[in-house]
Amino acid sequence: MKIAKLITLTFFAITSSSITSITLAQNKQLTKSAICVEAEKVDGNGLIERLADQHIAFNKHRTNDNLPKTAYIINRSNLTTINFNGLDYYVENNRLIGIKGLNLSDSVLNQITSKLVLLDSIQFEQSERLNNEYLNPNTNLQKIWYMNRQFMLTLKILSSTVRDIAAFTKSENPSFTVEANVAKMRLPNIDQIAKKSNMQSLLSLAK
């Protein structure tokens, strides 16, 4: 009798655990589906190009009334859908919470977040510093030139990073391919590359 009761209790515990897991998975899926409707939508590639174009235009006709606007691309506290190369990135509280159509682990989402947020923070800070230098009457033009190279390079690396992630999704099993390859992506040393790169290559974002 005791054995039968123990088996019954074990069955109910397993069943309850399974139902809870299924419910959590369904709720997670419903949350991601709701994102498509509720989130602000941003053209990520367009924003990168716009930030680059503003700096290029300003360097041609410098006036204090036409300073390039600083803007975050990834770092957003409100729920936002950012499209890069045809992929919808779901961002909230400055982190990636999902990519539409992909089933990614939290570990991979965190890895992508760290890469994109780092680059986004760098370009924002560089843009802010550049504007401060532009307003400084005693600024060093060579310093501005070098800082501008770093800014453009950061945008270029951000653009190539999301392009590489999009390329991973062209396989038969996109989620697995992204999971397997994101950890292998390494961010280069922006300072070192800026020293070796010429200005012309940095003013053209990779398509």
N, C-alpha and C. Protein backbone atom coordinates (compact mmCIF):
# COMPACT_ATOMS: atom_id res chain seq x y z
N MET A 1 0.83 -1.21 0.00
CA MET A 1 0.00 0.00 0.00
C MET A 1 0.87 1.26 0.00
N LYS A 2 1.94 1.22 0.86
CA LYS A 2 2.84 2.35 0.94
C LYS A 2 3.57 2.54 -0.38
N ILE A 3 3.96 1.42 -1.02
CA ILE A 3 4.66 1.50 -2.30
C ILE A 3 3.77 2.12 -3.36
N ALA A 4 2.49 1.70 -3.38
CA ALA A 4 1.54 2.24 -4.36
C ALA A 4 1.35 3.73 -4.14
N LYS A 5 1.27 4.14 -2.88
CA LYS A 5 1.10 5.56 -2.58
C LYS A 5 2.31 6.37 -3.02
N LEU A 6 3.51 5.78 -2.80
CA LEU A 6 4.76 6.46 -3.18
C LEU A 6 4.84 6.62 -4.69
N ILE A 7 4.43 5.57 -5.41
CA ILE A 7 4.43 5.64 -6.88
C ILE A 7 3.47 6.71 -7.36
N THR A 8 2.30 6.78 -6.72
CA THR A 8 1.29 7.78 -7.11
C THR A 8 1.82 9.20 -6.89
N LEU A 9 2.45 9.42 -5.73
CA LEU A 9 3.00 10.75 -5.43
C LEU A 9 4.11 11.12 -6.40
N THR A 10 4.95 10.15 -6.73
CA THR A 10 6.05 10.39 -7.68
C THR A 10 5.50 10.75 -9.05
N PHE A 11 4.43 10.04 -9.47
CA PHE A 11 3.81 10.29 -10.77
C PHE A 11 3.27 11.73 -10.83
N PHE A 12 2.57 12.12 -9.74
CA PHE A 12 2.01 13.48 -9.71
C PHE A 12 3.11 14.54 -9.72
N ALA A 13 4.22 14.27 -9.04
CA ALA A 13 5.33 15.23 -8.99
C ALA A 13 5.95 15.41 -10.37
N ILE A 14 6.15 14.28 -11.07
CA ILE A 14 6.73 14.35 -12.41
C ILE A 14 5.79 15.05 -13.36
N THR A 15 4.50 14.70 -13.27
CA THR A 15 3.49 15.31 -14.14
C THR A 15 3.41 16.81 -13.91
N SER A 16 3.41 17.20 -12.62
CA SER A 16 3.32 18.61 -12.29
C SER A 16 4.53 19.38 -12.81
N SER A 17 5.73 18.74 -12.68
CA SER A 17 6.96 19.38 -13.17
C SER A 17 6.92 19.55 -14.68
N SER A 18 6.42 18.54 -15.38
CA SER A 18 6.35 18.59 -16.84
C SER A 18 5.40 19.68 -17.30
N ILE A 19 4.24 19.76 -16.62
CA ILE A 19 3.25 20.78 -16.97
C ILE A 19 3.82 22.17 -16.75
N THR A 20 4.55 22.34 -15.64
CA THR A 20 5.16 23.64 -15.34
C THR A 20 6.17 24.03 -16.41
N SER A 21 7.01 23.05 -16.84
CA SER A 21 8.02 23.32 -17.86
C SER A 21 7.38 23.70 -19.18
N ILE A 22 6.31 22.97 -19.54
CA ILE A 22 5.60 23.26 -20.79
C ILE A 22 4.97 24.65 -20.73
N THR A 23 4.37 24.95 -19.56
CA THR A 23 3.73 26.26 -19.40
C THR A 23 4.73 27.39 -19.51
N LEU A 24 5.90 27.22 -18.88
CA LEU A 24 6.95 28.25 -18.95
C LEU A 24 7.43 28.44 -20.37
N ALA A 25 7.59 27.33 -21.10
CA ALA A 25 8.04 27.41 -22.49
C ALA A 25 7.01 28.11 -23.34
N GLN A 26 5.72 27.79 -23.10
CA GLN A 26 4.65 28.44 -23.86
C GLN A 26 4.58 29.93 -23.56
N ASN A 27 4.74 30.27 -22.26
CA ASN A 27 4.70 31.68 -21.88
C ASN A 27 5.85 32.45 -22.50
N LYS A 28 7.04 31.80 -22.56
CA LYS A 28 8.20 32.44 -23.17
C LYS A 28 7.95 32.69 -24.64
N GLN A 29 7.34 31.70 -25.31
CA GLN A 29 7.05 31.84 -26.73
C GLN A 29 6.00 32.93 -26.96
N LEU A 30 4.98 32.98 -26.07
CA LEU A 30 3.96 34.01 -26.20
C LEU A 30 4.55 35.40 -25.99
N THR A 31 5.49 35.49 -25.05
CA THR A 31 6.14 36.78 -24.79
C THR A 31 6.89 37.25 -26.02
N LYS A 32 7.63 36.34 -26.67
CA LYS A 32 8.39 36.71 -27.86
C LYS A 32 7.45 37.08 -29.01
N SER A 33 6.31 36.41 -29.07
CA SER A 33 5.36 36.73 -30.13
C SER A 33 4.77 38.12 -29.91
N ALA A 34 4.50 38.42 -28.63
CA ALA A 34 3.92 39.72 -28.31
C ALA A 34 4.88 40.86 -28.61
N ILE A 35 6.18 40.57 -28.56
CA ILE A 35 7.19 41.59 -28.83
C ILE A 35 6.99 42.20 -30.21
N CYS A 36 6.67 41.36 -31.18
CA CYS A 36 6.51 41.83 -32.55
C CYS A 36 5.48 42.94 -32.65
N VAL A 37 4.46 42.90 -31.79
CA VAL A 37 3.38 43.87 -31.85
C VAL A 37 3.68 45.09 -30.99
N GLU A 38 4.25 44.86 -29.81
CA GLU A 38 4.39 45.91 -28.82
C GLU A 38 5.65 46.76 -28.98
N ALA A 39 6.71 46.21 -29.56
CA ALA A 39 8.00 46.89 -29.55
C ALA A 39 8.09 48.03 -30.57
N GLU A 40 8.86 49.05 -30.19
CA GLU A 40 9.24 50.09 -31.14
C GLU A 40 10.14 49.44 -32.18
N LYS A 41 10.01 49.83 -33.44
CA LYS A 41 10.80 49.20 -34.50
C LYS A 41 11.82 50.19 -35.05
N VAL A 42 13.07 49.70 -35.20
CA VAL A 42 14.17 50.55 -35.65
C VAL A 42 14.92 49.83 -36.78
N ASP A 43 15.30 50.60 -37.82
CA ASP A 43 16.13 50.09 -38.90
C ASP A 43 17.58 50.23 -38.46
N GLY A 44 18.16 49.16 -37.96
CA GLY A 44 19.52 49.20 -37.42
C GLY A 44 20.56 49.58 -38.45
N ASN A 45 20.51 48.96 -39.62
CA ASN A 45 21.49 49.27 -40.68
C ASN A 45 21.37 50.73 -41.11
N GLY A 46 20.13 51.20 -41.21
CA GLY A 46 19.90 52.59 -41.60
C GLY A 46 20.45 53.56 -40.56
N LEU A 47 20.32 53.21 -39.28
CA LEU A 47 20.82 54.07 -38.21
C LEU A 47 22.34 54.13 -38.23
N ILE A 48 22.99 53.00 -38.45
CA ILE A 48 24.46 52.98 -38.55
C ILE A 48 24.92 53.89 -39.69
N GLU A 49 24.29 53.74 -40.85
CA GLU A 49 24.67 54.56 -42.01
C GLU A 49 24.41 56.04 -41.75
N ARG A 50 23.31 56.34 -41.07
CA ARG A 50 22.96 57.73 -40.80
C ARG A 50 23.99 58.38 -39.86
N LEU A 51 24.42 57.65 -38.84
CA LEU A 51 25.43 58.18 -37.92
C LEU A 51 26.75 58.44 -38.66
N ALA A 52 27.11 57.51 -39.54
CA ALA A 52 28.34 57.68 -40.31
C ALA A 52 28.23 58.86 -41.26
N ASP A 53 27.11 58.97 -41.95
CA ASP A 53 26.90 60.06 -42.91
C ASP A 53 26.94 61.43 -42.23
N GLN A 54 26.40 61.52 -41.01
CA GLN A 54 26.41 62.79 -40.29
C GLN A 54 27.83 63.26 -40.01
N HIS A 55 28.71 62.33 -39.64
CA HIS A 55 30.10 62.69 -39.36
C HIS A 55 30.84 63.05 -40.64
N ILE A 56 30.56 62.33 -41.70
CA ILE A 56 31.21 62.64 -42.97
C ILE A 56 30.79 64.03 -43.45
N ALA A 57 29.49 64.33 -43.36
CA ALA A 57 28.98 65.63 -43.79
C ALA A 57 29.54 66.75 -42.92
N PHE A 58 29.64 66.51 -41.62
CA PHE A 58 30.15 67.54 -40.71
C PHE A 58 31.63 67.83 -41.00
N ASN A 59 32.40 66.79 -41.29
CA ASN A 59 33.82 66.99 -41.56
C ASN A 59 34.05 67.79 -42.83
N LYS A 60 33.07 67.80 -43.72
CA LYS A 60 33.18 68.59 -44.94
C LYS A 60 32.81 70.04 -44.70
N HIS A 61 31.83 70.28 -43.82
CA HIS A 61 31.35 71.64 -43.55
C HIS A 61 31.16 71.79 -42.04
N ARG A 62 32.23 72.09 -41.35
CA ARG A 62 32.17 72.16 -39.89
C ARG A 62 31.60 73.48 -39.39
N THR A 63 30.49 73.36 -38.65
CA THR A 63 29.92 74.50 -37.94
C THR A 63 29.39 73.99 -36.61
N ASN A 64 29.46 74.83 -35.59
CA ASN A 64 28.98 74.40 -34.27
C ASN A 64 27.48 74.15 -34.24
N ASP A 65 26.77 74.69 -35.24
CA ASP A 65 25.32 74.50 -35.29
C ASP A 65 24.94 73.18 -35.97
N ASN A 66 25.94 72.49 -36.48
CA ASN A 66 25.65 71.26 -37.24
C ASN A 66 26.44 70.08 -36.70
N LEU A 67 26.60 70.03 -35.38
CA LEU A 67 27.34 68.92 -34.78
C LEU A 67 26.60 67.60 -35.00
N PRO A 68 27.33 66.52 -35.28
CA PRO A 68 26.67 65.22 -35.45
C PRO A 68 25.93 64.81 -34.18
N LYS A 69 24.77 64.23 -34.34
CA LYS A 69 23.99 63.80 -33.18
C LYS A 69 24.51 62.46 -32.67
N THR A 70 24.64 62.36 -31.36
CA THR A 70 25.03 61.09 -30.75
C THR A 70 23.77 60.26 -30.49
N ALA A 71 23.87 58.97 -30.71
CA ALA A 71 22.70 58.10 -30.51
C ALA A 71 23.16 56.67 -30.25
N TYR A 72 22.47 56.03 -29.34
CA TYR A 72 22.70 54.60 -29.13
C TYR A 72 21.97 53.81 -30.21
N ILE A 73 22.54 52.69 -30.59
CA ILE A 73 21.92 51.81 -31.58
C ILE A 73 21.29 50.61 -30.87
N ILE A 74 22.05 49.98 -30.00
CA ILE A 74 21.61 48.77 -29.30
C ILE A 74 21.14 49.07 -27.88
N ASN A 75 21.85 49.93 -27.18
CA ASN A 75 21.55 50.18 -25.77
C ASN A 75 20.22 50.91 -25.61
N ARG A 76 19.17 50.16 -25.30
CA ARG A 76 17.83 50.72 -25.17
C ARG A 76 17.11 50.07 -24.00
N SER A 77 16.52 50.90 -23.14
CA SER A 77 15.82 50.36 -21.99
C SER A 77 14.41 49.90 -22.36
N ASN A 78 13.77 50.61 -23.28
CA ASN A 78 12.42 50.22 -23.69
C ASN A 78 12.45 49.07 -24.69
N LEU A 79 11.40 48.30 -24.69
CA LEU A 79 11.27 47.17 -25.62
C LEU A 79 11.37 47.66 -27.06
N THR A 80 12.35 47.14 -27.80
CA THR A 80 12.61 47.62 -29.16
C THR A 80 12.96 46.47 -30.09
N THR A 81 12.44 46.52 -31.31
CA THR A 81 12.82 45.57 -32.35
C THR A 81 13.77 46.29 -33.30
N ILE A 82 15.01 45.82 -33.38
CA ILE A 82 16.01 46.44 -34.24
C ILE A 82 16.34 45.47 -35.37
N ASN A 83 16.12 45.90 -36.61
CA ASN A 83 16.35 45.03 -37.75
C ASN A 83 17.75 45.24 -38.32
N PHE A 84 18.52 44.16 -38.37
CA PHE A 84 19.83 44.16 -38.99
C PHE A 84 19.87 43.07 -40.05
N ASN A 85 20.10 43.46 -41.28
CA ASN A 85 20.27 42.49 -42.37
C ASN A 85 19.12 41.48 -42.43
N GLY A 86 17.90 41.95 -42.22
CA GLY A 86 16.72 41.10 -42.31
C GLY A 86 16.37 40.35 -41.05
N LEU A 87 17.18 40.46 -39.99
CA LEU A 87 16.88 39.79 -38.72
C LEU A 87 16.33 40.80 -37.72
N ASP A 88 15.26 40.42 -37.03
CA ASP A 88 14.69 41.27 -35.99
C ASP A 88 15.32 40.91 -34.64
N TYR A 89 16.05 41.83 -34.06
CA TYR A 89 16.66 41.67 -32.74
C TYR A 89 15.73 42.30 -31.71
N TYR A 90 15.34 41.51 -30.70
CA TYR A 90 14.48 42.02 -29.64
C TYR A 90 15.35 42.50 -28.48
N VAL A 91 15.30 43.79 -28.18
CA VAL A 91 16.15 44.38 -27.15
C VAL A 91 15.30 45.03 -26.06
N GLU A 92 15.69 44.82 -24.83
CA GLU A 92 15.01 45.45 -23.70
C GLU A 92 15.98 45.54 -22.53
N ASN A 93 15.95 46.68 -21.81
CA ASN A 93 16.86 46.91 -20.69
C ASN A 93 18.31 46.70 -21.08
N ASN A 94 18.66 47.22 -22.26
CA ASN A 94 20.04 47.21 -22.76
C ASN A 94 20.60 45.80 -22.97
N ARG A 95 19.75 44.85 -23.28
CA ARG A 95 20.24 43.50 -23.58
C ARG A 95 19.35 42.84 -24.62
N LEU A 96 19.96 41.93 -25.36
CA LEU A 96 19.23 41.17 -26.37
C LEU A 96 18.44 40.06 -25.70
N ILE A 97 17.13 40.03 -25.93
CA ILE A 97 16.30 39.00 -25.31
C ILE A 97 15.82 37.95 -26.33
N GLY A 98 16.14 38.17 -27.60
CA GLY A 98 15.76 37.18 -28.62
C GLY A 98 15.98 37.70 -30.02
N ILE A 99 16.03 36.77 -30.97
CA ILE A 99 16.09 37.11 -32.39
C ILE A 99 14.96 36.34 -33.07
N LYS A 100 14.12 37.05 -33.80
CA LYS A 100 12.94 36.44 -34.40
C LYS A 100 13.31 35.24 -35.28
N GLY A 101 12.62 34.12 -35.06
CA GLY A 101 12.82 32.93 -35.87
C GLY A 101 13.93 32.02 -35.39
N LEU A 102 14.67 32.44 -34.35
CA LEU A 102 15.77 31.63 -33.84
C LEU A 102 15.50 31.20 -32.40
N ASN A 103 15.87 29.97 -32.09
CA ASN A 103 15.74 29.45 -30.74
C ASN A 103 17.13 29.42 -30.12
N LEU A 104 17.50 30.49 -29.42
CA LEU A 104 18.85 30.65 -28.89
C LEU A 104 18.86 30.54 -27.37
N SER A 105 19.93 29.96 -26.84
CA SER A 105 20.07 29.84 -25.39
C SER A 105 20.39 31.20 -24.79
N ASP A 106 20.14 31.34 -23.49
CA ASP A 106 20.46 32.59 -22.80
C ASP A 106 21.94 32.89 -22.87
N SER A 107 22.76 31.82 -22.87
CA SER A 107 24.20 32.00 -22.94
C SER A 107 24.61 32.69 -24.24
N VAL A 108 24.06 32.24 -25.37
CA VAL A 108 24.39 32.84 -26.66
C VAL A 108 23.83 34.26 -26.77
N LEU A 109 22.61 34.46 -26.27
CA LEU A 109 22.03 35.80 -26.28
C LEU A 109 22.90 36.77 -25.48
N ASN A 110 23.45 36.28 -24.36
CA ASN A 110 24.32 37.12 -23.55
C ASN A 110 25.63 37.43 -24.27
N GLN A 111 26.15 36.45 -25.02
CA GLN A 111 27.38 36.66 -25.77
C GLN A 111 27.17 37.70 -26.88
N ILE A 112 26.05 37.58 -27.58
CA ILE A 112 25.75 38.56 -28.64
C ILE A 112 25.55 39.94 -28.02
N THR A 113 24.85 39.97 -26.87
CA THR A 113 24.62 41.23 -26.18
C THR A 113 25.93 41.92 -25.83
N SER A 114 26.87 41.15 -25.25
CA SER A 114 28.13 41.75 -24.81
C SER A 114 28.91 42.33 -25.99
N LYS A 115 28.88 41.66 -27.14
CA LYS A 115 29.59 42.15 -28.32
C LYS A 115 28.94 43.44 -28.85
N LEU A 116 27.63 43.40 -29.05
CA LEU A 116 26.94 44.53 -29.65
C LEU A 116 26.88 45.74 -28.71
N VAL A 117 26.62 45.49 -27.43
CA VAL A 117 26.53 46.59 -26.47
C VAL A 117 27.89 47.26 -26.30
N LEU A 118 28.97 46.47 -26.31
CA LEU A 118 30.31 47.05 -26.19
C LEU A 118 30.59 47.98 -27.36
N LEU A 119 30.35 47.52 -28.58
CA LEU A 119 30.59 48.35 -29.75
C LEU A 119 29.70 49.58 -29.75
N ASP A 120 28.45 49.40 -29.34
CA ASP A 120 27.51 50.52 -29.30
C ASP A 120 27.96 51.57 -28.29
N SER A 121 28.42 51.12 -27.12
CA SER A 121 28.88 52.04 -26.09
C SER A 121 30.11 52.81 -26.56
N ILE A 122 31.01 52.11 -27.27
CA ILE A 122 32.23 52.74 -27.77
C ILE A 122 31.90 53.83 -28.78
N GLN A 123 31.01 53.51 -29.76
CA GLN A 123 30.71 54.51 -30.78
C GLN A 123 30.01 55.72 -30.17
N PHE A 124 29.15 55.49 -29.17
CA PHE A 124 28.44 56.60 -28.52
C PHE A 124 29.43 57.50 -27.79
N GLU A 125 30.33 56.89 -27.01
CA GLU A 125 31.31 57.68 -26.26
C GLU A 125 32.26 58.42 -27.19
N GLN A 126 32.65 57.77 -28.28
CA GLN A 126 33.54 58.42 -29.24
C GLN A 126 32.85 59.62 -29.88
N SER A 127 31.59 59.48 -30.20
CA SER A 127 30.84 60.58 -30.80
C SER A 127 30.71 61.75 -29.83
N GLU A 128 30.45 61.45 -28.56
CA GLU A 128 30.36 62.49 -27.54
C GLU A 128 31.69 63.22 -27.40
N ARG A 129 32.77 62.47 -27.35
CA ARG A 129 34.11 63.07 -27.19
C ARG A 129 34.46 63.91 -28.41
N LEU A 130 34.09 63.43 -29.59
CA LEU A 130 34.36 64.20 -30.80
C LEU A 130 33.65 65.55 -30.78
N ASN A 131 32.40 65.56 -30.37
CA ASN A 131 31.65 66.81 -30.31
C ASN A 131 32.27 67.78 -29.31
N ASN A 132 32.76 67.25 -28.20
CA ASN A 132 33.42 68.11 -27.22
C ASN A 132 34.71 68.69 -27.78
N GLU A 133 35.42 67.88 -28.56
CA GLU A 133 36.66 68.36 -29.18
C GLU A 133 36.37 69.41 -30.24
N TYR A 134 35.29 69.20 -31.00
CA TYR A 134 34.92 70.17 -32.03
C TYR A 134 34.64 71.55 -31.42
N LEU A 135 34.05 71.56 -30.21
CA LEU A 135 33.68 72.82 -29.55
C LEU A 135 34.86 73.47 -28.83
N ASN A 136 35.94 72.74 -28.71
CA ASN A 136 37.13 73.25 -28.03
C ASN A 136 37.98 74.07 -29.01
N PRO A 137 38.13 75.38 -28.78
CA PRO A 137 38.89 76.22 -29.72
C PRO A 137 40.36 75.86 -29.80
N ASN A 138 40.87 75.18 -28.78
CA ASN A 138 42.29 74.81 -28.75
C ASN A 138 42.51 73.34 -29.11
N THR A 139 41.54 72.75 -29.73
CA THR A 139 41.64 71.32 -30.03
C THR A 139 42.73 71.02 -31.04
N ASN A 140 43.24 69.81 -30.95
CA ASN A 140 44.28 69.34 -31.86
C ASN A 140 43.62 68.65 -33.04
N LEU A 141 43.83 69.17 -34.26
CA LEU A 141 43.17 68.60 -35.43
C LEU A 141 43.59 67.16 -35.69
N GLN A 142 44.83 66.85 -35.39
CA GLN A 142 45.29 65.48 -35.58
C GLN A 142 44.57 64.53 -34.63
N LYS A 143 44.28 65.01 -33.41
CA LYS A 143 43.54 64.21 -32.43
C LYS A 143 42.12 63.95 -32.93
N ILE A 144 41.48 64.99 -33.47
CA ILE A 144 40.13 64.84 -34.02
C ILE A 144 40.13 63.85 -35.17
N TRP A 145 41.12 63.95 -36.02
CA TRP A 145 41.21 63.04 -37.17
C TRP A 145 41.30 61.60 -36.71
N TYR A 146 42.16 61.35 -35.69
CA TYR A 146 42.34 60.00 -35.18
C TYR A 146 41.07 59.49 -34.50
N MET A 147 40.43 60.34 -33.69
CA MET A 147 39.20 59.95 -33.01
C MET A 147 38.09 59.63 -34.01
N ASN A 148 38.05 60.41 -35.09
CA ASN A 148 37.04 60.17 -36.12
C ASN A 148 37.26 58.82 -36.79
N ARG A 149 38.53 58.47 -36.99
CA ARG A 149 38.85 57.16 -37.57
C ARG A 149 38.36 56.04 -36.67
N GLN A 150 38.56 56.20 -35.36
CA GLN A 150 38.10 55.19 -34.41
C GLN A 150 36.58 55.05 -34.44
N PHE A 151 35.89 56.19 -34.49
CA PHE A 151 34.43 56.17 -34.52
C PHE A 151 33.92 55.43 -35.76
N MET A 152 34.46 55.79 -36.92
CA MET A 152 34.01 55.15 -38.16
C MET A 152 34.34 53.66 -38.17
N LEU A 153 35.48 53.32 -37.62
CA LEU A 153 35.89 51.91 -37.55
C LEU A 153 34.94 51.12 -36.65
N THR A 154 34.55 51.71 -35.54
CA THR A 154 33.63 51.03 -34.62
C THR A 154 32.30 50.75 -35.31
N LEU A 155 31.78 51.72 -36.05
CA LEU A 155 30.54 51.50 -36.80
C LEU A 155 30.72 50.39 -37.84
N LYS A 156 31.88 50.38 -38.47
CA LYS A 156 32.15 49.36 -39.48
C LYS A 156 32.17 47.96 -38.87
N ILE A 157 32.81 47.84 -37.70
CA ILE A 157 32.88 46.54 -37.02
C ILE A 157 31.49 46.11 -36.56
N LEU A 158 30.70 47.04 -36.04
CA LEU A 158 29.33 46.72 -35.63
C LEU A 158 28.52 46.23 -36.82
N SER A 159 28.68 46.92 -37.96
CA SER A 159 27.96 46.53 -39.18
C SER A 159 28.37 45.14 -39.64
N SER A 160 29.66 44.84 -39.61
CA SER A 160 30.14 43.54 -40.06
C SER A 160 29.75 42.42 -39.09
N THR A 161 29.65 42.76 -37.78
CA THR A 161 29.26 41.76 -36.78
C THR A 161 27.83 41.28 -37.01
N VAL A 162 26.90 42.21 -37.19
CA VAL A 162 25.50 41.80 -37.41
C VAL A 162 25.35 41.14 -38.79
N ARG A 163 26.19 41.53 -39.74
CA ARG A 163 26.14 40.89 -41.06
C ARG A 163 26.60 39.43 -40.96
N ASP A 164 27.63 39.18 -40.14
CA ASP A 164 28.12 37.81 -39.94
C ASP A 164 27.06 36.96 -39.26
N ILE A 165 26.38 37.52 -38.27
CA ILE A 165 25.33 36.77 -37.58
C ILE A 165 24.21 36.41 -38.56
N ALA A 166 23.85 37.35 -39.43
CA ALA A 166 22.82 37.08 -40.43
C ALA A 166 23.27 35.96 -41.38
N ALA A 167 24.56 35.93 -41.70
CA ALA A 167 25.08 34.90 -42.60
C ALA A 167 24.97 33.51 -41.97
N PHE A 168 25.10 33.44 -40.64
CA PHE A 168 24.98 32.15 -39.94
C PHE A 168 23.57 31.56 -40.10
N THR A 169 22.57 32.40 -40.31
CA THR A 169 21.19 31.93 -40.37
C THR A 169 20.82 31.38 -41.75
N LYS A 170 21.74 31.39 -42.69
CA LYS A 170 21.46 30.91 -44.04
C LYS A 170 21.61 29.39 -44.15
N SER A 171 21.98 28.74 -43.06
CA SER A 171 22.17 27.29 -43.08
C SER A 171 20.84 26.56 -42.90
N GLU A 172 20.88 25.23 -42.99
CA GLU A 172 19.66 24.42 -42.83
C GLU A 172 19.16 24.47 -41.39
N ASN A 173 20.09 24.62 -40.45
CA ASN A 173 19.71 24.70 -39.03
C ASN A 173 20.27 26.00 -38.47
N PRO A 174 19.60 27.14 -38.73
CA PRO A 174 20.15 28.45 -38.37
C PRO A 174 20.41 28.63 -36.88
N SER A 175 19.51 28.15 -36.03
CA SER A 175 19.69 28.33 -34.59
C SER A 175 20.96 27.62 -34.12
N PHE A 176 21.17 26.40 -34.60
CA PHE A 176 22.36 25.63 -34.22
C PHE A 176 23.62 26.32 -34.73
N THR A 177 23.57 26.83 -35.96
CA THR A 177 24.74 27.46 -36.56
C THR A 177 25.13 28.73 -35.81
N VAL A 178 24.13 29.50 -35.42
CA VAL A 178 24.41 30.71 -34.63
C VAL A 178 24.99 30.31 -33.28
N GLU A 179 24.38 29.32 -32.63
CA GLU A 179 24.88 28.85 -31.34
C GLU A 179 26.33 28.41 -31.43
N ALA A 180 26.68 27.71 -32.52
CA ALA A 180 28.02 27.14 -32.66
C ALA A 180 29.08 28.17 -33.02
N ASN A 181 28.67 29.26 -33.66
CA ASN A 181 29.66 30.19 -34.20
C ASN A 181 29.81 31.51 -33.44
N VAL A 182 28.82 31.90 -32.67
CA VAL A 182 28.90 33.19 -31.99
C VAL A 182 30.09 33.24 -31.03
N ALA A 183 30.33 32.15 -30.32
CA ALA A 183 31.43 32.14 -29.36
C ALA A 183 32.79 32.31 -30.04
N LYS A 184 32.87 31.96 -31.32
CA LYS A 184 34.14 32.06 -32.05
C LYS A 184 34.41 33.48 -32.55
N MET A 185 33.40 34.32 -32.54
CA MET A 185 33.57 35.69 -33.03
C MET A 185 34.37 36.49 -32.02
N ARG A 186 35.43 37.13 -32.50
CA ARG A 186 36.29 37.93 -31.64
C ARG A 186 36.28 39.37 -32.09
N LEU A 187 36.14 40.28 -31.13
CA LEU A 187 36.19 41.70 -31.46
C LEU A 187 37.64 42.15 -31.54
N PRO A 188 38.03 42.77 -32.65
CA PRO A 188 39.41 43.23 -32.78
C PRO A 188 39.69 44.44 -31.91
N ASN A 189 40.97 44.70 -31.70
CA ASN A 189 41.39 45.88 -30.94
C ASN A 189 41.23 47.12 -31.82
N ILE A 190 40.25 47.94 -31.48
CA ILE A 190 39.92 49.09 -32.32
C ILE A 190 41.09 50.07 -32.41
N ASP A 191 41.77 50.29 -31.28
CA ASP A 191 42.90 51.23 -31.28
C ASP A 191 44.00 50.77 -32.22
N GLN A 192 44.34 49.49 -32.18
CA GLN A 192 45.41 48.98 -33.02
C GLN A 192 45.06 49.04 -34.49
N ILE A 193 43.81 48.68 -34.83
CA ILE A 193 43.39 48.70 -36.23
C ILE A 193 43.35 50.13 -36.75
N ALA A 194 42.92 51.06 -35.91
CA ALA A 194 42.84 52.46 -36.32
C ALA A 194 44.21 52.99 -36.71
N LYS A 195 45.25 52.54 -36.05
CA LYS A 195 46.60 53.00 -36.34
C LYS A 195 47.09 52.49 -37.69
N LYS A 196 46.59 51.31 -38.09
CA LYS A 196 47.07 50.69 -39.32
C LYS A 196 46.20 51.00 -40.53
N SER A 197 44.99 51.49 -40.27
CA SER A 197 44.04 51.72 -41.36
C SER A 197 44.22 53.10 -41.97
N ASN A 198 43.88 53.25 -43.23
CA ASN A 198 43.91 54.58 -43.83
C ASN A 198 42.53 55.20 -43.78
N MET A 199 42.47 56.52 -43.88
CA MET A 199 41.23 57.25 -43.67
C MET A 199 40.17 56.87 -44.69
N GLN A 200 40.56 56.64 -45.91
CA GLN A 200 39.58 56.36 -46.96
C GLN A 200 38.80 55.09 -46.67
N SER A 201 39.48 54.04 -46.19
CA SER A 201 38.79 52.78 -45.93
C SER A 201 37.82 52.91 -44.78
N LEU A 202 38.09 53.81 -43.84
CA LEU A 202 37.23 53.96 -42.67
C LEU A 202 35.99 54.77 -42.95
N LEU A 203 35.98 55.52 -44.04
CA LEU A 203 34.82 56.35 -44.36
C LEU A 203 33.79 55.60 -45.19
N SER A 204 34.07 54.34 -45.49
CA SER A 204 33.13 53.53 -46.29
C SER A 204 32.70 52.32 -45.49
N LEU A 205 31.44 52.26 -45.10
CA LEU A 205 30.94 51.10 -44.35
C LEU A 205 30.80 49.91 -45.28
N ALA A 206 31.18 48.74 -44.78
CA ALA A 206 31.07 47.52 -45.58
C ALA A 206 29.61 47.23 -45.87
N LYS A 207 29.34 46.86 -47.10
CA LYS A 207 27.96 46.53 -47.50
C LYS A 207 27.75 45.04 -47.37
